[in-house]
C-alpha atoms as a PDB file:
ATOM      1  CA  MET A   1      32.597  25.913  51.244  1.00  0.00           C
ATOM      2  CA  ASN A   2      29.152  24.956  52.267  1.00  0.00           C
ATOM      3  CA  LYS A   3      28.700  21.473  50.780  1.00  0.00           C
ATOM      4  CA  ALA A   4      25.136  21.098  51.857  1.00  0.00           C
ATOM      5  CA  ARG A   5      24.126  24.342  50.048  1.00  0.00           C
ATOM      6  CA  VAL A   6      25.872  23.256  46.834  1.00  0.00           C
ATOM      7  CA  PHE A   7      24.317  19.774  46.933  1.00  0.00           C
ATOM      8  CA  GLY A   8      20.918  21.381  47.505  1.00  0.00           C
ATOM      9  CA  ALA A   9      21.580  23.587  44.345  1.00  0.00           C
ATOM     10  CA  ARG A  10      22.431  20.396  42.376  1.00  0.00           C
ATOM     11  CA  ASN A  11      19.137  18.701  43.455  1.00  0.00           C
ATOM     12  CA  ALA A  12      17.302  21.836  42.289  1.00  0.00           C
ATOM     13  CA  VAL A  13      18.814  21.405  38.966  1.00  0.00           C
ATOM     14  CA  ALA A  14      17.887  17.625  38.926  1.00  0.00           C
ATOM     15  CA  SER A  15      14.216  18.448  39.685  1.00  0.00           C
ATOM     16  CA  SER A  16      13.940  20.985  36.872  1.00  0.00           C
ATOM     17  CA  SER A  17      13.349  20.176  33.106  1.00  0.00           C
ATOM     18  CA  GLY A  18      15.982  17.471  32.886  1.00  0.00           C
ATOM     19  CA  SER A  19      14.955  14.754  30.527  1.00  0.00           C
ATOM     20  CA  SER A  20      11.568  16.205  29.954  1.00  0.00           C
ATOM     21  CA  SER A  21      12.939  18.854  27.645  1.00  0.00           C
ATOM     22  CA  VAL A  22      14.303  16.133  25.482  1.00  0.00           C
ATOM     23  CA  LEU A  23      11.112  14.183  25.405  1.00  0.00           C
ATOM     24  CA  ARG A  24       8.992  17.023  24.209  1.00  0.00           C
ATOM     25  CA  ARG A  25      10.960  17.025  21.012  1.00  0.00           C
ATOM     26  CA  LEU A  26      10.517  13.333  20.407  1.00  0.00           C
ATOM     27  CA  PHE A  27       6.625  12.928  20.683  1.00  0.00           C
ATOM     28  CA  LEU A  28       4.990  15.651  18.598  1.00  0.00           C
ATOM     29  CA  SER A  29       1.571  14.467  17.574  1.00  0.00           C
ATOM     30  CA  ALA A  30      -1.604  14.223  19.715  1.00  0.00           C
ATOM     31  CA  GLY A  31      -1.651  10.461  19.072  1.00  0.00           C
ATOM     32  CA  GLU A  32       1.767  10.082  20.701  1.00  0.00           C
ATOM     33  CA  ARG A  33       0.686  11.634  24.055  1.00  0.00           C
ATOM     34  CA  ASP A  34       0.090   8.270  25.663  1.00  0.00           C
ATOM     35  CA  LEU A  35       3.706   7.218  24.764  1.00  0.00           C
ATOM     36  CA  LEU A  36       5.040  10.488  26.027  1.00  0.00           C
ATOM     37  CA  ALA A  37       3.181  10.003  29.341  1.00  0.00           C
ATOM     38  CA  GLU A  38       4.539   6.434  29.762  1.00  0.00           C
ATOM     39  CA  VAL A  39       8.022   7.477  29.090  1.00  0.00           C
ATOM     40  CA  GLU A  40       7.847  10.484  31.371  1.00  0.00           C
ATOM     41  CA  LYS A  41       6.394   8.229  34.248  1.00  0.00           C
ATOM     42  CA  GLY A  42       9.163   5.594  33.476  1.00  0.00           C
ATOM     43  CA  LEU A  43      11.967   8.340  33.737  1.00  0.00           C
ATOM     44  CA  SER A  44      10.422   9.634  37.042  1.00  0.00           C
ATOM     45  CA  ALA A  45      10.857   6.047  38.374  1.00  0.00           C
ATOM     46  CA  VAL A  46      14.334   5.985  37.146  1.00  0.00           C
ATOM     47  CA  GLU A  47      15.136   9.216  39.180  1.00  0.00           C
ATOM     48  CA  GLU A  48      13.648   7.615  42.219  1.00  0.00           C
ATOM     49  CA  ARG A  49      15.729   4.422  41.656  1.00  0.00           C
ATOM     50  CA  LEU A  50      18.803   6.517  41.380  1.00  0.00           C
ATOM     51  CA  ARG A  51      18.226   8.249  44.628  1.00  0.00           C
ATOM     52  CA  ILE A  52      17.541   5.019  46.290  1.00  0.00           C
ATOM     53  CA  GLU A  53      20.720   3.419  45.078  1.00  0.00           C
ATOM     54  CA  ALA A  54      22.856   6.404  45.939  1.00  0.00           C
ATOM     55  CA  ALA A  55      21.306   6.508  49.357  1.00  0.00           C
ATOM     56  CA  ALA A  56      22.005   2.840  50.021  1.00  0.00           C
ATOM     57  CA  ALA A  57      25.674   3.226  50.120  1.00  0.00           C
ATOM     58  CA  GLU A  58      26.960   2.690  53.670  1.00  0.00           C
ATOM     59  CA  VAL A  59      29.473   5.478  53.968  1.00  0.00           C
ATOM     60  CA  VAL A  60      29.910   8.119  56.682  1.00  0.00           C
ATOM     61  CA  ASP A  61      29.137  11.025  54.248  1.00  0.00           C
ATOM     62  CA  ARG A  62      26.524   9.832  51.850  1.00  0.00           C
ATOM     63  CA  GLU A  63      26.319  13.218  50.263  1.00  0.00           C
ATOM     64  CA  VAL A  64      29.581  12.486  48.225  1.00  0.00           C
ATOM     65  CA  ILE A  65      27.711   9.466  46.653  1.00  0.00           C
ATOM     66  CA  GLN A  66      24.537  11.525  45.982  1.00  0.00           C
ATOM     67  CA  TYR A  67      26.280  14.511  44.660  1.00  0.00           C
ATOM     68  CA  LEU A  68      26.555  13.861  40.876  1.00  0.00           C
ATOM     69  CA  VAL A  69      23.432  11.615  40.918  1.00  0.00           C
ATOM     70  CA  GLY A  70      21.568  14.654  42.052  1.00  0.00           C
ATOM     71  CA  ALA A  71      23.062  16.833  39.339  1.00  0.00           C
ATOM     72  CA  GLY A  72      20.227  15.855  36.890  1.00  0.00           C
ATOM     73  CA  GLY A  73      20.938  16.591  33.218  1.00  0.00           C
ATOM     74  CA  LYS A  74      19.245  15.367  30.200  1.00  0.00           C
ATOM     75  CA  ARG A  75      19.522  11.710  31.110  1.00  0.00           C
ATOM     76  CA  ILE A  76      20.354  10.722  27.519  1.00  0.00           C
ATOM     77  CA  ARG A  77      20.894   7.021  28.262  1.00  0.00           C
ATOM     78  CA  PRO A  78      17.734   6.461  30.358  1.00  0.00           C
ATOM     79  CA  VAL A  79      15.704   8.124  27.679  1.00  0.00           C
ATOM     80  CA  LEU A  80      17.027   5.771  25.051  1.00  0.00           C
ATOM     81  CA  THR A  81      16.477   2.798  27.217  1.00  0.00           C
ATOM     82  CA  ALA A  82      12.897   3.877  27.752  1.00  0.00           C
ATOM     83  CA  LEU A  83      12.291   4.386  24.103  1.00  0.00           C
ATOM     84  CA  THR A  84      13.494   0.955  23.112  1.00  0.00           C
ATOM     85  CA  GLY A  85      11.477  -0.578  25.844  1.00  0.00           C
ATOM     86  CA  LEU A  86       8.600   0.639  23.902  1.00  0.00           C
ATOM     87  CA  LEU A  87       9.365  -1.753  21.129  1.00  0.00           C
ATOM     88  CA  GLY A  88       8.252  -4.535  23.397  1.00  0.00           C
ATOM     89  CA  ASP A  89       6.172  -4.371  26.722  1.00  0.00           C
ATOM     90  CA  GLY A  90       6.804  -0.798  27.349  1.00  0.00           C
ATOM     91  CA  VAL A  91       8.698   1.018  30.225  1.00  0.00           C
ATOM     92  CA  THR A  92       8.363  -1.720  32.693  1.00  0.00           C
ATOM     93  CA  ASP A  93       9.927  -1.989  36.180  1.00  0.00           C
ATOM     94  CA  ASP A  94      12.709  -4.004  34.583  1.00  0.00           C
ATOM     95  CA  VAL A  95      13.344  -1.286  31.907  1.00  0.00           C
ATOM     96  CA  VAL A  96      13.470   1.284  34.635  1.00  0.00           C
ATOM     97  CA  ALA A  97      15.958  -0.783  36.660  1.00  0.00           C
ATOM     98  CA  GLY A  98      18.187  -1.234  33.591  1.00  0.00           C
ATOM     99  CA  ALA A  99      18.109   2.553  32.654  1.00  0.00           C
ATOM    100  CA  ALA A 100      19.011   3.314  36.338  1.00  0.00           C
ATOM    101  CA  ALA A 101      21.993   0.839  36.280  1.00  0.00           C
ATOM    102  CA  LEU A 102      23.371   2.407  33.039  1.00  0.00           C
ATOM    103  CA  GLU A 103      22.891   5.839  34.391  1.00  0.00           C
ATOM    104  CA  LEU A 104      24.747   4.961  37.521  1.00  0.00           C
ATOM    105  CA  THR A 105      27.598   3.633  35.327  1.00  0.00           C
ATOM    106  CA  HIS A 106      27.692   6.936  33.417  1.00  0.00           C
ATOM    107  CA  VAL A 107      27.624   9.075  36.599  1.00  0.00           C
ATOM    108  CA  ALA A 108      30.577   6.916  37.995  1.00  0.00           C
ATOM    109  CA  THR A 109      32.692   7.842  34.904  1.00  0.00           C
ATOM    110  CA  LEU A 110      31.989  11.590  35.544  1.00  0.00           C
ATOM    111  CA  TYR A 111      33.557  11.347  39.025  1.00  0.00           C
ATOM    112  CA  HIS A 112      36.496   9.665  37.406  1.00  0.00           C
ATOM    113  CA  ASP A 113      36.726  12.018  34.463  1.00  0.00           C
ATOM    114  CA  ASP A 114      36.749  15.064  36.750  1.00  0.00           C
ATOM    115  CA  VAL A 115      39.708  13.606  38.725  1.00  0.00           C
ATOM    116  CA  MET A 116      41.717  12.749  35.481  1.00  0.00           C
ATOM    117  CA  ASP A 117      40.903  16.276  34.085  1.00  0.00           C
ATOM    118  CA  GLU A 118      41.706  18.098  37.299  1.00  0.00           C
ATOM    119  CA  ALA A 119      38.252  19.653  36.711  1.00  0.00           C
ATOM    120  CA  SER A 120      37.013  22.266  39.175  1.00  0.00           C
ATOM    121  CA  LEU A 121      33.479  22.699  37.861  1.00  0.00           C
ATOM    122  CA  ARG A 122      30.762  20.408  36.589  1.00  0.00           C
ATOM    123  CA  ARG A 123      27.499  21.852  35.537  1.00  0.00           C
ATOM    124  CA  GLY A 124      28.275  25.188  37.040  1.00  0.00           C
ATOM    125  CA  VAL A 125      29.132  24.000  40.644  1.00  0.00           C
ATOM    126  CA  PRO A 126      32.168  22.673  42.191  1.00  0.00           C
ATOM    127  CA  SER A 127      33.199  19.106  41.110  1.00  0.00           C
ATOM    128  CA  ALA A 128      33.270  16.331  43.566  1.00  0.00           C
ATOM    129  CA  ASN A 129      37.006  16.157  43.575  1.00  0.00           C
ATOM    130  CA  ARG A 130      37.216  19.808  44.403  1.00  0.00           C
ATOM    131  CA  LEU A 131      34.851  19.393  47.361  1.00  0.00           C
ATOM    132  CA  TRP A 132      36.185  16.029  48.833  1.00  0.00           C
ATOM    133  CA  GLY A 133      39.393  15.437  47.071  1.00  0.00           C
ATOM    134  CA  ASN A 134      40.622  13.064  44.331  1.00  0.00           C
ATOM    135  CA  ASN A 135      40.645   9.886  46.648  1.00  0.00           C
ATOM    136  CA  VAL A 136      37.112  10.280  47.766  1.00  0.00           C
ATOM    137  CA  ALA A 137      35.818  11.109  44.275  1.00  0.00           C
ATOM    138  CA  ILE A 138      37.415   8.070  42.834  1.00  0.00           C
ATOM    139  CA  LEU A 139      35.903   5.815  45.536  1.00  0.00           C
ATOM    140  CA  ALA A 140      32.397   7.459  45.051  1.00  0.00           C
ATOM    141  CA  GLY A 141      32.631   6.595  41.376  1.00  0.00           C
ATOM    142  CA  ASP A 142      33.694   3.036  42.273  1.00  0.00           C
ATOM    143  CA  MET A 143      30.750   2.724  44.712  1.00  0.00           C
ATOM    144  CA  LEU A 144      28.249   3.734  41.981  1.00  0.00           C
ATOM    145  CA  SER A 145      29.667   1.160  39.610  1.00  0.00           C
ATOM    146  CA  ALA A 146      29.185  -1.532  42.272  1.00  0.00           C
ATOM    147  CA  ARG A 147      25.576  -0.343  42.744  1.00  0.00           C
ATOM    148  CA  ALA A 148      25.068  -0.575  38.985  1.00  0.00           C
ATOM    149  CA  TYR A 149      26.434  -4.230  38.964  1.00  0.00           C
ATOM    150  CA  MET A 150      24.253  -5.138  41.914  1.00  0.00           C
ATOM    151  CA  LEU A 151      21.153  -4.037  39.926  1.00  0.00           C
ATOM    152  CA  ILE A 152      22.287  -5.832  36.800  1.00  0.00           C
ATOM    153  CA  ALA A 153      23.035  -9.000  38.696  1.00  0.00           C
ATOM    154  CA  ASN A 154      19.258  -9.340  39.082  1.00  0.00           C
ATOM    155  CA  MET A 155      18.570  -9.116  35.561  1.00  0.00           C
ATOM    156  CA  ARG A 156      19.284 -11.520  32.633  1.00  0.00           C
ATOM    157  CA  PRO A 157      22.726 -13.149  32.514  1.00  0.00           C
ATOM    158  CA  GLU A 158      23.419 -11.905  29.031  1.00  0.00           C
ATOM    159  CA  LEU A 159      23.083  -8.328  30.206  1.00  0.00           C
ATOM    160  CA  MET A 160      25.592  -8.666  32.896  1.00  0.00           C
ATOM    161  CA  LEU A 161      28.084  -9.838  30.136  1.00  0.00           C
ATOM    162  CA  LEU A 162      26.870  -6.905  27.861  1.00  0.00           C
ATOM    163  CA  HIS A 163      27.504  -4.430  30.616  1.00  0.00           C
ATOM    164  CA  ALA A 164      30.950  -5.943  31.470  1.00  0.00           C
ATOM    165  CA  ARG A 165      31.986  -5.645  27.856  1.00  0.00           C
ATOM    166  CA  THR A 166      30.610  -2.068  27.640  1.00  0.00           C
ATOM    167  CA  PHE A 167      32.480  -1.092  30.708  1.00  0.00           C
ATOM    168  CA  SER A 168      35.733  -2.619  29.342  1.00  0.00           C
ATOM    169  CA  ARG A 169      35.333  -0.398  26.215  1.00  0.00           C
ATOM    170  CA  LEU A 170      34.774   2.643  28.507  1.00  0.00           C
ATOM    171  CA  VAL A 171      37.955   2.056  30.217  1.00  0.00           C
ATOM    172  CA  THR A 172      39.761   1.137  26.909  1.00  0.00           C
ATOM    173  CA  GLY A 173      38.576   4.469  25.457  1.00  0.00           C
ATOM    174  CA  GLN A 174      39.904   6.464  28.422  1.00  0.00           C
ATOM    175  CA  LEU A 175      43.175   4.647  28.318  1.00  0.00           C
ATOM    176  CA  ASN A 176      43.705   5.140  24.675  1.00  0.00           C
ATOM    177  CA  GLU A 177      42.823   8.876  25.008  1.00  0.00           C
ATOM    178  CA  THR A 178      45.223   9.162  27.776  1.00  0.00           C
ATOM    179  CA  LEU A 179      48.048   7.275  26.023  1.00  0.00           C
ATOM    180  CA  GLY A 180      47.432   8.939  22.616  1.00  0.00           C
ATOM    181  CA  PRO A 181      47.952   7.405  19.117  1.00  0.00           C
ATOM    182  CA  ARG A 182      51.001   5.421  18.535  1.00  0.00           C
ATOM    183  CA  GLU A 183      53.567   6.377  15.990  1.00  0.00           C
ATOM    184  CA  GLY A 184      52.202   5.722  12.591  1.00  0.00           C
ATOM    185  CA  ASP A 185      48.547   5.870  13.732  1.00  0.00           C
ATOM    186  CA  ASP A 186      46.132   8.157  12.165  1.00  0.00           C
ATOM    187  CA  PRO A 187      45.274  10.593  14.841  1.00  0.00           C
ATOM    188  CA  ILE A 188      41.713  11.292  13.483  1.00  0.00           C
ATOM    189  CA  ALA A 189      40.945   7.557  13.408  1.00  0.00           C
ATOM    190  CA  HIS A 190      42.327   7.105  16.795  1.00  0.00           C
ATOM    191  CA  TYR A 191      40.171   9.899  18.271  1.00  0.00           C
ATOM    192  CA  LEU A 192      37.036   8.605  16.581  1.00  0.00           C
ATOM    193  CA  ARG A 193      37.801   5.128  18.111  1.00  0.00           C
ATOM    194  CA  VAL A 194      38.197   6.715  21.479  1.00  0.00           C
ATOM    195  CA  LEU A 195      34.737   8.397  21.105  1.00  0.00           C
ATOM    196  CA  ALA A 196      33.074   5.228  19.913  1.00  0.00           C
ATOM    197  CA  ASP A 197      34.491   3.354  23.034  1.00  0.00           C
ATOM    198  CA  LYS A 198      33.971   6.253  25.691  1.00  0.00           C
ATOM    199  CA  THR A 199      30.527   7.392  24.513  1.00  0.00           C
ATOM    200  CA  GLY A 200      29.142   5.403  21.687  1.00  0.00           C
ATOM    201  CA  SER A 201      29.479   1.961  23.533  1.00  0.00           C
ATOM    202  CA  LEU A 202      27.317   2.995  26.571  1.00  0.00           C
ATOM    203  CA  ILE A 203      24.652   4.555  24.452  1.00  0.00           C
ATOM    204  CA  ALA A 204      24.525   1.460  22.257  1.00  0.00           C
ATOM    205  CA  CYS A 205      24.237  -0.444  25.517  1.00  0.00           C
ATOM    206  CA  ALA A 206      21.340   1.562  26.681  1.00  0.00           C
ATOM    207  CA  ALA A 207      19.394   0.869  23.374  1.00  0.00           C
ATOM    208  CA  GLU A 208      19.936  -2.842  23.631  1.00  0.00           C
ATOM    209  CA  PHE A 209      19.035  -2.931  27.406  1.00  0.00           C
ATOM    210  CA  GLY A 210      15.744  -1.306  26.780  1.00  0.00           C
ATOM    211  CA  LEU A 211      14.895  -3.840  23.919  1.00  0.00           C
ATOM    212  CA  VAL A 212      15.927  -6.896  25.914  1.00  0.00           C
ATOM    213  CA  LEU A 213      14.296  -5.898  29.233  1.00  0.00           C
ATOM    214  CA  GLY A 214      11.177  -4.703  27.402  1.00  0.00           C
ATOM    215  CA  ASN A 215      10.981  -8.251  25.738  1.00  0.00           C
ATOM    216  CA  GLY A 216      11.089  -6.480  22.263  1.00  0.00           C
ATOM    217  CA  PRO A 217      11.895  -8.523  19.025  1.00  0.00           C
ATOM    218  CA  ALA A 218      15.536  -9.809  18.982  1.00  0.00           C
ATOM    219  CA  GLU A 219      15.882  -9.048  15.362  1.00  0.00           C
ATOM    220  CA  PHE A 220      16.032  -5.346  16.152  1.00  0.00           C
ATOM    221  CA  ALA A 221      19.082  -5.569  18.300  1.00  0.00           C
ATOM    222  CA  ASP A 222      21.756  -5.272  15.666  1.00  0.00           C
ATOM    223  CA  GLY A 223      20.202  -2.129  14.153  1.00  0.00           C
ATOM    224  CA  LEU A 224      19.756  -0.491  17.650  1.00  0.00           C
ATOM    225  CA  ARG A 225      23.391  -1.167  18.482  1.00  0.00           C
ATOM    226  CA  GLU A 226      24.610   0.360  15.312  1.00  0.00           C
ATOM    227  CA  TYR A 227      22.111   3.291  15.898  1.00  0.00           C
ATOM    228  CA  GLY A 228      23.533   3.779  19.389  1.00  0.00           C
ATOM    229  CA  GLU A 229      27.270   3.763  18.365  1.00  0.00           C
ATOM    230  CA  HIS A 230      26.553   6.402  15.637  1.00  0.00           C
ATOM    231  CA  VAL A 231      24.535   8.724  17.773  1.00  0.00           C
ATOM    232  CA  GLY A 232      27.101   8.460  20.604  1.00  0.00           C
ATOM    233  CA  VAL A 233      30.078   9.492  18.398  1.00  0.00           C
ATOM    234  CA  ALA A 234      27.762  12.311  16.778  1.00  0.00           C
ATOM    235  CA  PHE A 235      26.889  13.449  20.289  1.00  0.00           C
ATOM    236  CA  GLN A 236      30.513  13.806  21.293  1.00  0.00           C
ATOM    237  CA  LEU A 237      31.483  15.637  18.119  1.00  0.00           C
ATOM    238  CA  VAL A 238      28.833  18.202  18.620  1.00  0.00           C
ATOM    239  CA  ASP A 239      30.173  18.642  22.223  1.00  0.00           C
ATOM    240  CA  ASP A 240      33.455  19.410  20.659  1.00  0.00           C
ATOM    241  CA  VAL A 241      31.914  22.252  18.813  1.00  0.00           C
ATOM    242  CA  ILE A 242      29.780  23.465  21.750  1.00  0.00           C
ATOM    243  CA  ASP A 243      32.949  23.451  23.814  1.00  0.00           C
ATOM    244  CA  LEU A 244      34.459  26.046  21.391  1.00  0.00           C
ATOM    245  CA  ARG A 245      31.539  28.319  20.882  1.00  0.00           C
ATOM    246  CA  SER A 246      30.042  28.526  24.423  1.00  0.00           C
ATOM    247  CA  THR A 247      30.884  30.475  27.491  1.00  0.00           C
ATOM    248  CA  GLU A 248      31.808  29.144  30.921  1.00  0.00           C
ATOM    249  CA  GLN A 249      28.206  30.175  32.226  1.00  0.00           C
ATOM    250  CA  GLU A 250      26.652  28.268  29.370  1.00  0.00           C
ATOM    251  CA  LEU A 251      28.713  25.168  29.680  1.00  0.00           C
ATOM    252  CA  GLY A 252      28.928  25.120  33.550  1.00  0.00           C
ATOM    253  CA  LYS A 253      32.720  24.526  33.200  1.00  0.00           C
ATOM    254  CA  GLN A 254      35.641  26.094  31.657  1.00  0.00           C
ATOM    255  CA  PRO A 255      35.451  25.960  27.739  1.00  0.00           C
ATOM    256  CA  GLY A 256      38.181  24.125  25.876  1.00  0.00           C
ATOM    257  CA  THR A 257      39.234  22.044  28.818  1.00  0.00           C
ATOM    258  CA  ASP A 258      40.645  19.226  26.650  1.00  0.00           C
ATOM    259  CA  LEU A 259      42.557  21.530  24.409  1.00  0.00           C
ATOM    260  CA  ARG A 260      43.926  23.443  27.258  1.00  0.00           C
ATOM    261  CA  GLU A 261      45.219  20.088  28.696  1.00  0.00           C
ATOM    262  CA  GLY A 262      46.825  19.160  25.397  1.00  0.00           C
ATOM    263  CA  VAL A 263      44.088  16.688  24.210  1.00  0.00           C
ATOM    264  CA  PRO A 264      43.012  17.757  20.835  1.00  0.00           C
ATOM    265  CA  THR A 265      39.470  17.426  19.777  1.00  0.00           C
ATOM    266  CA  LEU A 266      38.345  16.838  16.267  1.00  0.00           C
ATOM    267  CA  PRO A 267      38.382  20.383  15.020  1.00  0.00           C
ATOM    268  CA  MET A 268      42.054  20.701  16.107  1.00  0.00           C
ATOM    269  CA  LEU A 269      42.977  17.366  14.530  1.00  0.00           C
ATOM    270  CA  LEU A 270      41.395  18.358  11.224  1.00  0.00           C
ATOM    271  CA  LEU A 271      43.344  21.617  11.320  1.00  0.00           C
ATOM    272  CA  ARG A 272      46.544  19.827  12.026  1.00  0.00           C
ATOM    273  CA  GLN A 273      45.881  17.441   9.103  1.00  0.00           C
ATOM    274  CA  ARG A 274      45.336  20.529   6.869  1.00  0.00           C
ATOM    275  CA  ALA A 275      48.550  22.074   8.171  1.00  0.00           C
ATOM    276  CA  LEU A 276      50.571  19.166   6.658  1.00  0.00           C
ATOM    277  CA  SER A 277      49.957  20.627   3.102  1.00  0.00           C
ATOM    278  CA  SER A 278      49.168  24.299   3.864  1.00  0.00           C
ATOM    279  CA  ALA A 279      51.486  26.787   5.203  1.00  0.00           C
ATOM    280  CA  ALA A 280      48.593  29.057   6.053  1.00  0.00           C
ATOM    281  CA  ASP A 281      46.882  26.581   8.151  1.00  0.00           C
ATOM    282  CA  ALA A 282      50.267  25.510   9.740  1.00  0.00           C
ATOM    283  CA  ALA A 283      50.466  29.191  10.860  1.00  0.00           C
ATOM    284  CA  VAL A 284      47.096  29.031  12.406  1.00  0.00           C
ATOM    285  CA  VAL A 285      47.855  25.870  14.339  1.00  0.00           C
ATOM    286  CA  ALA A 286      51.038  27.492  15.544  1.00  0.00           C
ATOM    287  CA  ALA A 287      49.136  30.572  16.812  1.00  0.00           C
ATOM    288  CA  ILE A 288      46.429  28.620  18.335  1.00  0.00           C
ATOM    289  CA  GLU A 289      48.902  26.267  20.343  1.00  0.00           C
ATOM    290  CA  ALA A 290      50.818  29.303  21.422  1.00  0.00           C
ATOM    291  CA  ASP A 291      47.672  30.999  22.810  1.00  0.00           C
ATOM    292  CA  LEU A 292      46.485  27.716  24.554  1.00  0.00           C
ATOM    293  CA  THR A 293      49.609  27.911  26.791  1.00  0.00           C
ATOM    294  CA  SER A 294      48.217  30.947  28.662  1.00  0.00           C
ATOM    295  CA  GLU A 295      44.981  31.508  30.560  1.00  0.00           C
ATOM    296  CA  ALA A 296      44.978  35.068  29.241  1.00  0.00           C
ATOM    297  CA  THR A 297      45.149  34.037  25.599  1.00  0.00           C
ATOM    298  CA  ALA A 298      43.260  30.678  25.516  1.00  0.00           C
ATOM    299  CA  PRO A 299      39.812  32.311  24.854  1.00  0.00           C
ATOM    300  CA  ARG A 300      41.311  33.925  21.657  1.00  0.00           C
ATOM    301  CA  ALA A 301      42.719  30.512  20.622  1.00  0.00           C
ATOM    302  CA  LEU A 302      39.214  28.840  21.164  1.00  0.00           C
ATOM    303  CA  ALA A 303      37.524  31.636  19.299  1.00  0.00           C
ATOM    304  CA  ARG A 304      39.897  31.358  16.315  1.00  0.00           C
ATOM    305  CA  LEU A 305      39.535  27.565  16.168  1.00  0.00           C
ATOM    306  CA  ALA A 306      35.614  28.008  16.420  1.00  0.00           C
ATOM    307  CA  GLU A 307      35.574  30.402  13.459  1.00  0.00           C
ATOM    308  CA  HIS A 308      37.729  28.156  11.277  1.00  0.00           C
ATOM    309  CA  GLU A 309      36.015  25.864   8.556  1.00  0.00           C
ATOM    310  CA  VAL A 310      37.258  22.741  10.375  1.00  0.00           C
ATOM    311  CA  THR A 311      34.710  23.365  13.065  1.00  0.00           C
ATOM    312  CA  ALA A 312      31.950  23.376  10.443  1.00  0.00           C
ATOM    313  CA  GLU A 313      33.337  20.205   8.993  1.00  0.00           C
ATOM    314  CA  THR A 314      33.190  18.543  12.534  1.00  0.00           C
ATOM    315  CA  LEU A 315      29.494  19.479  12.652  1.00  0.00           C
ATOM    316  CA  ASP A 316      29.071  17.978   9.046  1.00  0.00           C
ATOM    317  CA  ARG A 317      30.531  14.707  10.304  1.00  0.00           C
ATOM    318  CA  ALA A 318      28.217  14.545  13.217  1.00  0.00           C
ATOM    319  CA  PHE A 319      25.120  15.195  10.992  1.00  0.00           C
ATOM    320  CA  GLU A 320      26.311  12.474   8.717  1.00  0.00           C
ATOM    321  CA  LEU A 321      26.622  10.022  11.589  1.00  0.00           C
ATOM    322  CA  SER A 322      23.084  11.062  12.680  1.00  0.00           C
ATOM    323  CA  ARG A 323      21.902  10.175   9.153  1.00  0.00           C
ATOM    324  CA  GLN A 324      23.707   6.813   9.417  1.00  0.00           C
ATOM    325  CA  ALA A 325      22.045   6.158  12.669  1.00  0.00           C
ATOM    326  CA  LYS A 326      18.663   6.776  11.440  1.00  0.00           C
ATOM    327  CA  ALA A 327      19.353   4.450   8.455  1.00  0.00           C
ATOM    328  CA  ALA A 328      20.260   1.729  10.874  1.00  0.00           C
ATOM    329  CA  LEU A 329      16.661   1.650  12.273  1.00  0.00           C
ATOM    330  CA  SER A 330      15.355   0.327   8.799  1.00  0.00           C
ATOM    331  CA  SER A 331      14.410  -2.927  10.493  1.00  0.00           C
ATOM    332  CA  LEU A 332      12.041  -1.335  12.845  1.00  0.00           C
ATOM    333  CA  PRO A 333       8.407  -0.970  11.956  1.00  0.00           C
ATOM    334  CA  ILE A 334       7.366   2.527  10.898  1.00  0.00           C
ATOM    335  CA  GLY A 335       5.455   4.174  13.608  1.00  0.00           C
ATOM    336  CA  PRO A 336       5.784   6.478  16.758  1.00  0.00           C
ATOM    337  CA  VAL A 337       8.748   4.735  18.348  1.00  0.00           C
ATOM    338  CA  ARG A 338      10.850   4.620  15.212  1.00  0.00           C
ATOM    339  CA  SER A 339       9.938   8.256  14.604  1.00  0.00           C
ATOM    340  CA  ALA A 340      10.943   9.160  18.215  1.00  0.00           C
ATOM    341  CA  LEU A 341      14.226   7.464  17.781  1.00  0.00           C
ATOM    342  CA  GLU A 342      14.890   9.352  14.478  1.00  0.00           C
ATOM    343  CA  ARG A 343      14.082  12.682  16.248  1.00  0.00           C
ATOM    344  CA  PHE A 344      16.364  11.630  19.094  1.00  0.00           C
ATOM    345  CA  ALA A 345      19.174  11.367  16.677  1.00  0.00           C
ATOM    346  CA  ASP A 346      18.325  14.751  15.292  1.00  0.00           C
ATOM    347  CA  TYR A 347      18.107  16.280  18.670  1.00  0.00           C
ATOM    348  CA  LEU A 348      21.668  15.114  19.761  1.00  0.00           C
ATOM    349  CA  VAL A 349      23.219  16.995  16.733  1.00  0.00           C
ATOM    350  CA  GLU A 350      20.922  20.101  16.704  1.00  0.00           C
ATOM    351  CA  ARG A 351      22.059  20.990  20.037  1.00  0.00           C
ATOM    352  CA  SER A 352      24.776  23.166  18.398  1.00  0.00           C
ATOM    353  CA  ASN A 353      22.132  25.375  16.726  1.00  0.00           C
END
């Protein structure tokens, strides 16, 4: 396989809409255009900083380090860091550096996730572990984590501790997902804790980084952390639904990866809960689990789960978390930044529509 050609394709994706498609939803009025321009400029600077950090790794084949950094995406975490920076001095160089550090951390986890999931695709092209093997993919993720810590080491000491605690939660979430709930644990509560650690923690960290590095008011920190935790879990619950309702072409990877690997997402956990008291639902669970054992019948299982009301219930939970996230912003002044954060929470759950 021609790695250079694949890498070029990923960079083309990165240079397309990316985060700009998100930003257009956040700043709607003519009076907010200056803020939109400031955030867009800041995110362009984040992209440049990511390229610099990936290129700085002194390895024989730098392409492996640059591969997922060049994949682009919506850059959810840098967007949030830039938005909370506006609560202080704006999207300063410090805010840009903080946003880049957290995105490097996120991308590092993608390398590791693909190895653990034995994934062959990410965003429609071969995963790094498929191209270079598991060992190289793991080490590439480690290198990006190191670059993130090197950036943060030049920031305020409290942010180094915040990032370390967040990274600990990321690993804890992955470990607990891999180990599964203990006997007697509520599987749904266990799953939601995993999502809070694996996704919510880094998004909450992104919100706090922007506030601190932008010299925003300290009294906003608690609300922003709560906001980030809620939108992070809501974001992942919506992904659970999208994973059932989308095609491989739309997802850029095989649908239902977790379910196929025996890791239940919330719709399946809710269905299993219902099956404890409903023979009809127990029969549906048995049929879905049987179909998931075969590549030929797995699409039928995913479709059946997508059509069940537990999938709509999962979306309801995501929307409720989005509402709680917006309520957590009550300490922020009413204005364009708060409105943008509220729209951001809406956007993360409305992706399923």
